[in-house]
Structures are given as C-alpha cells and as structure tokens.
Amino acid sequence: MQQVLFTIRLGSIELPVYGYGTMLFITFVATLWLKRRLGLREGIPPHVSERLALWIFVTGILGARATFVIQYHDRFASIGQIVAIWDGGLVFYGSVFGALIGYMIARATWLAKYNVSTWKMADVIAPCGALGLALGRIGCLLNGCCYGNVACPNCAEITFPMAAFPRQEMTARGYQTAAGFTVVPQNGKPYVDKVVAGSAAEGVVESGDRIVSVMLREPYPTEDYKDLDFAFTGKWPRGLNDVQMSVERGGKTVDLPAFAPRTIGLHPTQIYETISMSLMTFLLLSYYPYKRRDGLIMVVFMLGYAVHRFLNEMLRTDTDPVAFGMTLSQNISILIFVSGLMLGALALYRRPGPPLAA
C-alpha cells in the first residue's frame, strides 16, 4: 500500500501525488484507448467514442461518489470531504448507474444523430469496464480501501501499514493494537503497558514509557491519554506509515527510532478483483470476434462480474448488510445477474445476428 507515491516540492509548497488518483488517471487513459479501438471495429467514429467516454467517465465518477457518500454519510462533515475523491471512496455499482444516466442524457442530446447502435456501444463498453476494474482495484490496494476481513489460516493474506483504513477498523474491533503496544492512563497521562511480541514496536517501545509526543509531520504533544488516541485515529496523516515518538524513560526524554506497524493478515480482496477482471477482459476480447448477436459481450460481463462481486463481498469487511442479510453490492449483484439474463434473452431472440463463418 502506498497512499502517497511521491511529493512534488515547489519552494515551500508540497504537492502529494496520491496512488489512488494516479491509478484513476491511468484507468481513464487505458479505457479510452480500448474504447476507441473497439469503437472503430464497430464502425463508431473516433471522436464519438472519445466524447462519449469522457461523458460516461464523469457521470460514472459522480454516481460512484454519490453512492459512497450516501452509504457512508456519517464519515463526511464538510463539502471538502465529499469532493475529495483522491482520498478514495468510489462504489463501482454507483458508477454503473451514473454512467447509464450519462449515456441516456448523451443519447437524448447529441449521440442519436450519429445513429450509433446502443447494442454495439454496450459491447464496446463491457471490456472497457472490465479493464477499468482491473486497474482501478490497484488504486484501491494502494489506498488501502475495499479491504478484506481477517484471513483464515493457510489463506492468502496481505497486511497494511499505519495510514491504511484497515488499521483503524481492526483496532476498533479489538483484533489488534493500533501500533503494536497497549496503553494505560496514569494520572490522565498515556503510559505503555505491554508491547506485542513480534510486532514492529518490539525492541523500540518499552513497558512503562510515558508517551510525550507523536510525530505527525511535526511533533504532536500527548499530555493527555485522549491526545494519544486522537493522534492515532482522527489526526493521523495520509501516507504516513512510520511511527516516531518521544517518551519519558528513566526520568529522561528519549526520541525513539521510527518503526512501521502492520495490520494483521487480511484477505487481499483488491488483488482478487484485479486478477478476476484481468481474466474477464481477456475473455471478453477473445470472445469479441465470435459473438453472434450485438449485446452478448455486455451480457457476459454482467453475469461474470455479478458472480465475482457477490463472492468477493463475502471476504470483505468494510461494508455492512443493508437488506436480506447481504451488503448493498451483493443485493445489486443479484439484480445485475437477473438483468444480464434478461438482456441476453433479448439480444438472442429479438436481435438479428450474422451467422458464424464456416
């Protein structure tokens, strides 16, 4: 995980380049290129493909963000937090509905005059959607969002650093400590109680240390136990993975060396989706020359992704059930799967298609 890839320094100004935003840009460029190539194959003019791609991308992002804000409304206290998509927080199914609305508006305002078949356009969009998911989940991995639950023994697992969202979640659930040690208040001040064996804090932090300050880009005094709790939760900077503290030990103030705590092992759900959607992209592009009806590429994508997402949601822990004991994405996956079957029947039985070549 690498929330901040690097920082551009212009005099006294520091501009962080976020991994999530970088992958979002790469995803847009890659899917735009693929959409243009597939559009040419279907006889769609390049300028139409490019304009529609931009239109769908923007409305898709708006839909994805709106869905996330509605689903996690308690996390947002200001307009600035709502628009900060570089911090992560996009729901794919929200982008689907946003893109669909964007396409309908485009169809009603300017696209219809080009006489572009919606069925053909759906087949062009499907592989682009799969590719976008494969690349986009790399951004989720870098950002530390869309994470899995605690990995079972002998399962593939991944750990995340201090700045990642899973660290706060696992700590809140009591599965682990925030930074490899427990703290007890004495006269209101934070003292180290026990250091977790095998953690990054072992050999650096000692039982009985009074934590004087924590380095959060600059020293943050921890005069009170609540100060330390706030430093490790609400005030911890994005991209800061090392913990560096000053403690009182033996009557002296000691600046401890930095150490990098990690979470317990979690299911690598982001990697699973990148692998799954990479295979889906390969399948759709391989099947493309053999489709007998326009729209079938989209059908395969809808059915395949609905099954994958439903199963992958079972391994995640960042979403709560909303209906029928299932998460929002699981409920929508069922709707997408049923819609895919209906669309497939419509494509097969109501649309004429060319015969397969002998």
Protein backbone atom coordinates (compact mmCIF):
# COMPACT_ATOMS: atom_id res chain seq x y z
CA MET A 1 0.00 0.00 0.00
CA GLN A 2 1.31 3.44 -0.92
CA GLN A 3 -1.23 6.22 -0.45
CA VAL A 4 1.27 8.91 -1.46
CA LEU A 5 3.52 7.83 -4.34
CA PHE A 6 5.78 10.86 -4.13
CA THR A 7 5.69 14.55 -3.27
CA ILE A 8 6.41 17.43 -5.65
CA ARG A 9 8.10 20.32 -3.87
CA LEU A 10 7.80 23.82 -5.32
CA GLY A 11 9.62 26.06 -2.89
CA SER A 12 7.65 25.91 0.35
CA ILE A 13 4.69 24.20 -1.32
CA GLU A 14 4.37 20.41 -1.19
CA LEU A 15 2.05 18.65 -3.63
CA PRO A 16 1.47 14.97 -2.80
CA VAL A 17 0.76 12.63 -5.70
CA TYR A 18 -1.70 10.02 -4.48
CA GLY A 19 -1.65 6.42 -5.65
CA TYR A 20 -5.44 6.26 -5.91
CA GLY A 21 -5.69 9.37 -8.08
CA THR A 22 -2.80 8.21 -10.26
CA MET A 23 -4.48 4.87 -10.95
CA LEU A 24 -7.74 6.68 -11.67
CA PHE A 25 -5.95 8.68 -14.36
CA ILE A 26 -4.21 5.59 -15.79
CA THR A 27 -7.56 3.79 -15.85
CA PHE A 28 -9.16 6.62 -17.80
CA VAL A 29 -6.36 6.70 -20.40
CA ALA A 30 -6.31 2.90 -20.82
CA THR A 31 -10.06 2.52 -21.15
CA LEU A 32 -10.26 5.49 -23.53
CA TRP A 33 -7.67 3.83 -25.78
CA LEU A 34 -9.51 0.49 -25.70
CA LYS A 35 -12.88 2.11 -26.31
CA ARG A 36 -11.52 3.91 -29.34
CA ARG A 37 -10.09 0.67 -30.78
CA LEU A 38 -13.26 -1.32 -30.23
CA GLY A 39 -15.38 1.57 -31.46
CA LEU A 40 -13.51 1.58 -34.78
CA ARG A 41 -14.23 -2.14 -35.06
CA GLU A 42 -17.94 -1.44 -34.68
CA GLY A 43 -17.85 1.47 -37.12
CA ILE A 44 -18.17 4.15 -34.45
CA PRO A 45 -16.27 7.37 -35.34
CA PRO A 46 -13.28 8.00 -33.01
CA HIS A 47 -14.46 11.46 -31.97
CA VAL A 48 -17.81 9.98 -30.93
CA SER A 49 -16.12 7.27 -28.84
CA GLU A 50 -13.83 9.78 -27.16
CA ARG A 51 -16.57 12.26 -26.41
CA LEU A 52 -18.88 9.59 -25.03
CA ALA A 53 -16.03 8.08 -22.97
CA LEU A 54 -15.41 11.42 -21.29
CA TRP A 55 -19.13 11.90 -20.75
CA ILE A 56 -19.59 8.46 -19.19
CA PHE A 57 -16.41 8.75 -17.12
CA VAL A 58 -17.53 12.00 -15.49
CA THR A 59 -21.10 10.87 -14.79
CA GLY A 60 -19.80 7.50 -13.62
CA ILE A 61 -17.48 9.15 -11.11
CA LEU A 62 -20.34 11.33 -9.87
CA GLY A 63 -22.57 8.28 -9.44
CA ALA A 64 -19.82 6.30 -7.72
CA ARG A 65 -19.07 9.11 -5.29
CA ALA A 66 -22.72 9.86 -4.59
CA THR A 67 -23.34 6.21 -3.74
CA PHE A 68 -20.34 6.12 -1.40
CA VAL A 69 -21.38 9.35 0.36
CA ILE A 70 -24.92 8.05 0.86
CA GLN A 71 -23.67 4.66 2.08
CA TYR A 72 -21.12 6.17 4.49
CA HIS A 73 -22.75 9.52 5.22
CA ASP A 74 -21.52 9.51 8.83
CA ARG A 75 -17.91 9.88 7.64
CA PHE A 76 -18.45 13.27 6.00
CA ALA A 77 -18.58 16.52 7.91
CA SER A 78 -17.90 19.04 5.13
CA ILE A 79 -18.28 19.64 1.39
CA GLY A 80 -14.49 19.44 1.06
CA GLN A 81 -14.51 15.85 2.31
CA ILE A 82 -17.29 14.93 -0.10
CA VAL A 83 -15.43 16.14 -3.19
CA ALA A 84 -12.04 14.69 -2.14
CA ILE A 85 -12.22 11.61 -4.37
CA TRP A 86 -8.41 11.37 -4.35
CA ASP A 87 -8.79 10.04 -0.80
CA GLY A 88 -10.71 7.07 -2.18
CA GLY A 89 -14.40 6.30 -1.87
CA LEU A 90 -15.98 5.24 -5.18
CA VAL A 91 -18.57 2.47 -5.46
CA PHE A 92 -18.45 0.64 -8.80
CA TYR A 93 -22.16 -0.10 -8.95
CA GLY A 94 -22.80 3.57 -8.32
CA SER A 95 -20.62 4.36 -11.33
CA VAL A 96 -22.72 1.93 -13.40
CA PHE A 97 -25.92 3.81 -12.65
CA GLY A 98 -24.20 7.17 -13.08
CA ALA A 99 -22.77 6.11 -16.45
CA LEU A 100 -26.15 4.76 -17.55
CA ILE A 101 -27.81 8.07 -16.74
CA GLY A 102 -24.99 9.88 -18.55
CA TYR A 103 -25.45 7.68 -21.62
CA MET A 104 -29.20 8.30 -21.67
CA ILE A 105 -28.65 12.05 -21.47
CA ALA A 106 -26.00 11.87 -24.22
CA ARG A 107 -28.35 9.78 -26.34
CA ALA A 108 -31.11 12.33 -25.96
CA THR A 109 -28.94 15.40 -26.61
CA TRP A 110 -26.22 14.64 -29.17
CA LEU A 111 -25.46 10.95 -29.67
CA ALA A 112 -28.62 9.98 -31.57
CA LYS A 113 -27.65 11.98 -34.66
CA TYR A 114 -24.69 9.66 -35.24
CA ASN A 115 -27.03 6.65 -35.47
CA VAL A 116 -24.86 4.57 -33.12
CA SER A 117 -26.41 1.27 -32.04
CA THR A 118 -26.84 1.02 -28.26
CA TRP A 119 -26.23 -2.74 -28.53
CA LYS A 120 -22.90 -2.19 -30.27
CA MET A 121 -21.96 0.53 -27.81
CA ALA A 122 -22.73 -1.83 -24.92
CA ASP A 123 -20.31 -4.39 -26.38
CA VAL A 124 -17.65 -1.70 -26.65
CA ILE A 125 -18.16 -0.53 -23.06
CA ALA A 126 -18.08 -4.01 -21.46
CA PRO A 127 -14.36 -4.83 -21.97
CA CYS A 128 -13.51 -1.26 -21.01
CA GLY A 129 -15.44 -1.72 -17.77
CA ALA A 130 -13.57 -4.94 -17.00
CA LEU A 131 -10.21 -3.30 -17.74
CA GLY A 132 -11.16 -0.30 -15.63
CA LEU A 133 -11.95 -2.54 -12.68
CA ALA A 134 -8.70 -4.47 -13.05
CA LEU A 135 -6.67 -1.25 -12.97
CA GLY A 136 -8.90 0.59 -10.53
CA ARG A 137 -8.54 -2.05 -7.84
CA ILE A 138 -4.79 -1.48 -7.92
CA GLY A 139 -5.64 2.06 -6.86
CA CYS A 140 -7.78 0.62 -4.05
CA LEU A 141 -4.83 -1.52 -2.97
CA LEU A 142 -2.51 1.50 -2.93
CA ASN A 143 -5.08 3.49 -0.99
CA GLY A 144 -5.88 0.70 1.48
CA CYS A 145 -9.64 0.75 0.86
CA CYS A 146 -12.05 -2.04 -0.19
CA TYR A 147 -10.15 -4.33 2.17
CA GLY A 148 -10.93 -7.88 3.23
CA ASN A 149 -11.73 -9.46 6.55
CA VAL A 150 -9.23 -11.32 8.70
CA ALA A 151 -7.64 -14.07 6.60
CA CYS A 152 -8.19 -17.65 7.62
CA PRO A 153 -5.20 -19.92 8.41
CA ASN A 154 -3.28 -21.03 5.31
CA CYS A 155 -5.16 -18.47 3.17
CA ALA A 156 -3.51 -15.78 1.08
CA GLU A 157 -3.20 -12.62 3.15
CA ILE A 158 -1.96 -9.07 2.99
CA THR A 159 -1.04 -6.60 5.73
CA PHE A 160 -1.45 -2.84 5.68
CA PRO A 161 0.58 -0.03 7.26
CA MET A 162 -0.35 2.56 9.86
CA ALA A 163 -2.06 5.02 7.50
CA ALA A 164 -4.41 2.43 5.99
CA PHE A 165 -8.11 2.33 6.77
CA PRO A 166 -7.97 -1.36 7.86
CA ARG A 167 -5.68 -0.45 10.77
CA GLN A 168 -8.37 1.71 12.34
CA GLU A 169 -11.08 -0.87 11.63
CA MET A 170 -9.13 -3.79 13.08
CA THR A 171 -8.19 -1.72 16.12
CA ALA A 172 -11.78 -0.62 16.69
CA ARG A 173 -12.90 -4.24 16.59
CA GLY A 174 -10.28 -5.20 19.14
CA TYR A 175 -8.44 -7.56 16.80
CA GLN A 176 -5.12 -5.77 17.26
CA THR A 177 -3.44 -2.77 18.85
CA ALA A 178 -3.04 0.46 16.92
CA ALA A 179 0.78 0.42 16.77
CA GLY A 180 1.98 -2.78 18.43
CA PHE A 181 1.54 -1.87 22.09
CA THR A 182 -1.20 -1.23 24.61
CA VAL A 183 -1.55 1.95 26.66
CA VAL A 184 -2.93 2.65 30.13
CA PRO A 185 -3.67 6.08 31.62
CA GLN A 186 -1.89 7.05 34.82
CA ASN A 187 -2.99 10.37 36.28
CA GLY A 188 -4.53 11.03 32.86
CA LYS A 189 -1.22 10.59 31.00
CA PRO A 190 -0.54 7.79 28.48
CA TYR A 191 1.87 5.05 29.58
CA VAL A 192 2.90 1.98 27.61
CA ASP A 193 1.50 -1.15 29.25
CA LYS A 194 2.53 -4.13 27.12
CA VAL A 195 4.39 -4.46 23.82
CA VAL A 196 3.07 -7.10 21.41
CA ALA A 197 5.67 -9.82 20.82
CA GLY A 198 6.84 -9.94 17.22
CA SER A 199 5.43 -6.50 16.39
CA ALA A 200 7.42 -3.67 14.87
CA ALA A 201 7.27 -1.88 18.23
CA GLU A 202 9.16 -4.68 19.99
CA GLY A 203 12.66 -3.55 20.86
CA VAL A 204 11.75 0.10 20.33
CA VAL A 205 8.97 0.80 22.83
CA GLU A 206 9.25 -0.44 26.42
CA SER A 207 6.67 -1.10 29.08
CA GLY A 208 6.45 1.88 31.43
CA ASP A 209 7.35 4.51 28.83
CA ARG A 210 5.31 7.68 29.15
CA ILE A 211 4.48 8.90 25.66
CA VAL A 212 5.33 12.58 25.47
CA SER A 213 4.66 13.29 21.78
CA VAL A 214 3.99 11.61 18.45
CA MET A 215 5.49 12.82 15.17
CA LEU A 216 2.64 13.76 12.80
CA ARG A 217 4.69 15.62 10.18
CA GLU A 218 5.55 17.71 13.24
CA PRO A 219 5.59 16.82 16.96
CA TYR A 220 2.10 16.41 18.44
CA PRO A 221 2.13 16.64 22.28
CA THR A 222 0.26 13.90 24.14
CA GLU A 223 -0.25 15.45 27.53
CA ASP A 224 -3.47 13.53 27.96
CA TYR A 225 -4.46 9.94 27.18
CA LYS A 226 -7.13 11.28 24.80
CA ASP A 227 -4.43 13.20 22.90
CA LEU A 228 -2.71 9.93 22.03
CA ASP A 229 -5.98 8.30 20.99
CA PHE A 230 -6.78 11.25 18.74
CA ALA A 231 -3.27 11.20 17.25
CA PHE A 232 -3.59 7.52 16.30
CA THR A 233 -7.12 7.86 14.93
CA GLY A 234 -8.59 11.14 13.81
CA LYS A 235 -5.38 13.10 13.23
CA TRP A 236 -3.10 10.51 11.60
CA PRO A 237 -1.91 11.89 8.22
CA ARG A 238 -2.50 10.09 4.94
CA GLY A 239 0.61 8.41 3.63
CA LEU A 240 2.47 8.43 6.97
CA ASN A 241 3.35 4.80 7.72
CA ASP A 242 6.18 5.18 10.25
CA VAL A 243 5.55 5.82 13.93
CA GLN A 244 8.07 8.04 15.70
CA MET A 245 7.55 9.06 19.31
CA SER A 246 9.26 10.80 22.17
CA VAL A 247 8.88 9.11 25.56
CA GLU A 248 9.88 9.72 29.13
CA ARG A 249 12.05 6.82 30.27
CA GLY A 250 14.09 6.72 33.46
CA GLY A 251 13.43 10.39 34.13
CA LYS A 252 14.76 11.44 30.71
CA THR A 253 13.05 12.31 27.43
CA VAL A 254 14.08 9.86 24.72
CA ASP A 255 13.43 10.23 20.99
CA LEU A 256 12.65 6.70 19.81
CA PRO A 257 13.64 5.49 16.34
CA ALA A 258 10.84 5.19 13.80
CA PHE A 259 9.09 1.85 13.34
CA ALA A 260 6.42 0.72 10.88
CA PRO A 261 3.46 -1.21 12.37
CA ARG A 262 1.39 -3.51 10.16
CA THR A 263 -2.12 -4.85 10.46
CA ILE A 264 -2.96 -8.50 10.97
CA GLY A 265 -3.31 -10.53 7.77
CA LEU A 266 -6.43 -9.75 5.71
CA HIS A 267 -7.95 -11.31 2.61
CA PRO A 268 -6.42 -9.48 -0.42
CA THR A 269 -9.80 -8.70 -1.99
CA GLN A 270 -8.39 -5.92 -4.17
CA ILE A 271 -5.87 -8.31 -5.72
CA TYR A 272 -8.56 -10.94 -6.24
CA GLU A 273 -10.63 -8.46 -8.22
CA THR A 274 -7.68 -7.27 -10.29
CA ILE A 275 -6.92 -10.89 -11.23
CA SER A 276 -10.56 -11.73 -11.87
CA MET A 277 -11.20 -8.68 -14.03
CA SER A 278 -7.95 -9.12 -15.95
CA LEU A 279 -9.16 -12.60 -16.88
CA MET A 280 -12.59 -11.14 -17.69
CA THR A 281 -11.01 -8.56 -20.00
CA PHE A 282 -9.10 -11.33 -21.79
CA LEU A 283 -12.29 -13.42 -22.09
CA LEU A 284 -14.38 -10.59 -23.50
CA LEU A 285 -11.76 -9.54 -26.03
CA SER A 286 -11.23 -13.16 -27.07
CA TYR A 287 -14.96 -13.74 -27.48
CA TYR A 288 -15.49 -10.47 -29.35
CA PRO A 289 -14.78 -11.82 -32.89
CA TYR A 290 -17.14 -14.76 -32.34
CA LYS A 291 -20.22 -13.00 -30.98
CA ARG A 292 -23.36 -13.84 -32.95
CA ARG A 293 -25.51 -11.03 -31.56
CA ASP A 294 -24.75 -7.48 -30.59
CA GLY A 295 -25.05 -7.08 -26.83
CA LEU A 296 -23.73 -10.50 -25.85
CA ILE A 297 -20.35 -9.12 -24.77
CA MET A 298 -22.12 -6.92 -22.24
CA VAL A 299 -24.23 -9.88 -21.12
CA VAL A 300 -21.14 -12.00 -20.39
CA PHE A 301 -19.61 -9.11 -18.46
CA MET A 302 -22.76 -8.53 -16.39
CA LEU A 303 -23.12 -12.20 -15.48
CA GLY A 304 -19.43 -12.73 -14.76
CA TYR A 305 -18.94 -9.63 -12.67
CA ALA A 306 -22.14 -10.14 -10.70
CA VAL A 307 -20.98 -13.60 -9.62
CA HIS A 308 -17.46 -12.41 -8.82
CA ARG A 309 -18.62 -9.38 -6.83
CA PHE A 310 -21.15 -11.36 -4.82
CA LEU A 311 -18.48 -13.87 -3.77
CA ASN A 312 -15.75 -11.27 -3.22
CA GLU A 313 -18.08 -9.29 -0.94
CA MET A 314 -18.19 -12.34 1.34
CA LEU A 315 -14.49 -11.79 2.05
CA ARG A 316 -14.74 -8.04 2.68
CA THR A 317 -15.39 -6.33 5.98
CA ASP A 318 -15.71 -2.66 5.01
CA THR A 319 -19.39 -2.91 4.11
CA ASP A 320 -22.36 -3.75 6.34
CA PRO A 321 -25.51 -5.70 5.40
CA VAL A 322 -28.36 -3.49 4.19
CA ALA A 323 -31.08 -5.97 3.18
CA PHE A 324 -31.72 -9.71 3.37
CA GLY A 325 -28.52 -10.15 5.35
CA MET A 326 -26.45 -9.02 2.36
CA THR A 327 -24.38 -5.95 1.56
CA LEU A 328 -25.51 -3.29 -0.88
CA SER A 329 -23.19 -4.65 -3.58
CA GLN A 330 -24.45 -8.22 -3.06
CA ASN A 331 -28.05 -7.11 -3.49
CA ILE A 332 -27.15 -5.16 -6.60
CA SER A 333 -25.15 -8.13 -7.92
CA ILE A 334 -28.30 -10.24 -7.87
CA LEU A 335 -30.17 -7.51 -9.77
CA ILE A 336 -27.33 -7.24 -12.29
CA PHE A 337 -27.27 -11.02 -12.79
CA VAL A 338 -31.03 -11.17 -13.39
CA SER A 339 -30.81 -8.13 -15.70
CA GLY A 340 -27.99 -9.84 -17.59
CA LEU A 341 -30.15 -12.93 -18.18
CA MET A 342 -33.00 -10.77 -19.42
CA LEU A 343 -30.70 -8.74 -21.66
CA GLY A 344 -29.19 -11.95 -23.02
CA ALA A 345 -32.63 -13.29 -23.90
CA LEU A 346 -33.48 -10.00 -25.60
CA ALA A 347 -30.22 -9.99 -27.54
CA LEU A 348 -30.56 -13.61 -28.66
CA TYR A 349 -34.22 -13.71 -29.63
CA ARG A 350 -35.02 -10.18 -30.74
CA ARG A 351 -31.89 -9.00 -32.48
CA PRO A 352 -30.81 -10.43 -35.82
CA GLY A 353 -27.19 -11.50 -35.93
CA PRO A 354 -24.77 -12.60 -38.60
CA PRO A 355 -24.22 -16.34 -39.00
CA LEU A 356 -20.93 -17.78 -37.87
CA ALA A 357 -18.37 -18.06 -40.62
CA ALA A 358 -17.84 -21.59 -41.92
